[in-house]
Amino acid sequence: MGGHCGPRRAMSLEEEIEMLGKMKEHLEANLANVTERLEKLKA
């Protein structure tokens, strides 16, 4: 298994902020791609 196979522990605030920030960047990139594709299809 990976390095996170021990008992689950609560994330620290800093870890949660970092994880959510990365998720937000990923979602914003996906949204930009979807928007671009949609505009191309409408054109």
N, C-alpha and C. Protein backbone atom coordinates (compact mmCIF):
# COMPACT_ATOMS: atom_id res chain seq x y z
N MET A 1 0.83 -1.19 0.00
CA MET A 1 0.00 0.00 0.00
C MET A 1 0.87 1.25 0.00
N GLY A 2 0.24 2.38 -0.07
CA GLY A 2 0.97 3.64 -0.08
C GLY A 2 1.45 4.03 1.30
N GLY A 3 1.91 5.23 1.43
CA GLY A 3 2.43 5.70 2.71
C GLY A 3 1.34 6.06 3.69
N HIS A 4 0.09 6.07 3.26
CA HIS A 4 -1.01 6.49 4.13
C HIS A 4 -1.89 5.31 4.51
N CYS A 5 -1.28 4.23 4.97
CA CYS A 5 -2.08 3.05 5.29
C CYS A 5 -2.27 2.89 6.78
N GLY A 6 -1.77 3.84 7.58
CA GLY A 6 -1.95 3.78 9.02
C GLY A 6 -3.35 4.21 9.40
N PRO A 7 -3.61 4.28 10.69
CA PRO A 7 -4.94 4.74 11.12
C PRO A 7 -5.18 6.16 10.65
N ARG A 8 -6.40 6.43 10.24
CA ARG A 8 -6.73 7.79 9.76
C ARG A 8 -6.65 8.77 10.90
N ARG A 9 -6.00 9.88 10.65
CA ARG A 9 -5.95 10.93 11.66
C ARG A 9 -6.55 12.18 11.06
N ALA A 10 -7.00 13.05 11.90
CA ALA A 10 -7.55 14.31 11.41
C ALA A 10 -6.42 15.11 10.79
N MET A 11 -6.70 15.75 9.67
CA MET A 11 -5.71 16.60 9.04
C MET A 11 -5.55 17.87 9.85
N SER A 12 -4.33 18.38 9.84
CA SER A 12 -4.14 19.69 10.47
C SER A 12 -4.79 20.74 9.59
N LEU A 13 -5.02 21.90 10.15
CA LEU A 13 -5.63 22.98 9.40
C LEU A 13 -4.78 23.31 8.17
N GLU A 14 -3.47 23.35 8.35
CA GLU A 14 -2.58 23.68 7.23
C GLU A 14 -2.69 22.63 6.13
N GLU A 15 -2.77 21.35 6.51
CA GLU A 15 -2.89 20.28 5.51
C GLU A 15 -4.21 20.39 4.75
N GLU A 16 -5.27 20.70 5.49
CA GLU A 16 -6.57 20.81 4.84
C GLU A 16 -6.61 21.99 3.89
N ILE A 17 -6.04 23.12 4.30
CA ILE A 17 -5.99 24.30 3.43
C ILE A 17 -5.20 23.99 2.17
N GLU A 18 -4.06 23.30 2.32
CA GLU A 18 -3.24 22.95 1.15
C GLU A 18 -4.00 22.02 0.22
N MET A 19 -4.66 21.00 0.78
CA MET A 19 -5.40 20.05 -0.03
C MET A 19 -6.54 20.74 -0.78
N LEU A 20 -7.30 21.59 -0.07
CA LEU A 20 -8.41 22.28 -0.70
C LEU A 20 -7.93 23.25 -1.76
N GLY A 21 -6.79 23.88 -1.52
CA GLY A 21 -6.23 24.79 -2.52
C GLY A 21 -5.88 24.06 -3.81
N LYS A 22 -5.28 22.87 -3.66
CA LYS A 22 -4.93 22.07 -4.84
C LYS A 22 -6.19 21.60 -5.56
N MET A 23 -7.21 21.19 -4.80
CA MET A 23 -8.47 20.78 -5.42
C MET A 23 -9.09 21.94 -6.18
N LYS A 24 -9.05 23.14 -5.59
CA LYS A 24 -9.63 24.32 -6.23
C LYS A 24 -8.91 24.62 -7.55
N GLU A 25 -7.58 24.54 -7.54
CA GLU A 25 -6.81 24.78 -8.78
C GLU A 25 -7.20 23.77 -9.84
N HIS A 26 -7.32 22.51 -9.44
CA HIS A 26 -7.67 21.45 -10.39
C HIS A 26 -9.07 21.69 -10.97
N LEU A 27 -10.02 22.04 -10.10
CA LEU A 27 -11.38 22.29 -10.57
C LEU A 27 -11.44 23.52 -11.48
N GLU A 28 -10.68 24.55 -11.15
CA GLU A 28 -10.68 25.75 -11.99
C GLU A 28 -10.09 25.44 -13.36
N ALA A 29 -9.06 24.59 -13.41
CA ALA A 29 -8.48 24.20 -14.69
C ALA A 29 -9.50 23.40 -15.50
N ASN A 30 -10.20 22.48 -14.84
CA ASN A 30 -11.23 21.70 -15.54
C ASN A 30 -12.34 22.61 -16.04
N LEU A 31 -12.76 23.56 -15.23
CA LEU A 31 -13.81 24.48 -15.63
C LEU A 31 -13.38 25.31 -16.83
N ALA A 32 -12.14 25.76 -16.85
CA ALA A 32 -11.64 26.53 -17.98
C ALA A 32 -11.69 25.68 -19.25
N ASN A 33 -11.33 24.40 -19.14
CA ASN A 33 -11.37 23.51 -20.31
C ASN A 33 -12.80 23.31 -20.79
N VAL A 34 -13.72 23.11 -19.85
CA VAL A 34 -15.12 22.92 -20.22
C VAL A 34 -15.66 24.17 -20.89
N THR A 35 -15.36 25.33 -20.33
CA THR A 35 -15.83 26.59 -20.89
C THR A 35 -15.30 26.77 -22.31
N GLU A 36 -14.02 26.47 -22.49
CA GLU A 36 -13.42 26.62 -23.82
C GLU A 36 -14.09 25.68 -24.83
N ARG A 37 -14.31 24.42 -24.44
CA ARG A 37 -14.96 23.48 -25.34
C ARG A 37 -16.38 23.93 -25.67
N LEU A 38 -17.09 24.41 -24.66
CA LEU A 38 -18.46 24.86 -24.88
C LEU A 38 -18.50 26.04 -25.85
N GLU A 39 -17.60 26.97 -25.70
CA GLU A 39 -17.55 28.12 -26.61
C GLU A 39 -17.26 27.69 -28.04
N LYS A 40 -16.36 26.70 -28.20
CA LYS A 40 -16.05 26.20 -29.54
C LYS A 40 -17.27 25.54 -30.18
N LEU A 41 -18.02 24.79 -29.37
CA LEU A 41 -19.20 24.12 -29.90
C LEU A 41 -20.29 25.10 -30.28
N LYS A 42 -20.40 26.19 -29.54
CA LYS A 42 -21.41 27.21 -29.82
C LYS A 42 -21.06 28.04 -31.03
N ALA A 43 -19.77 28.15 -31.34
CA ALA A 43 -19.32 29.03 -32.43
C ALA A 43 -19.80 28.55 -33.79
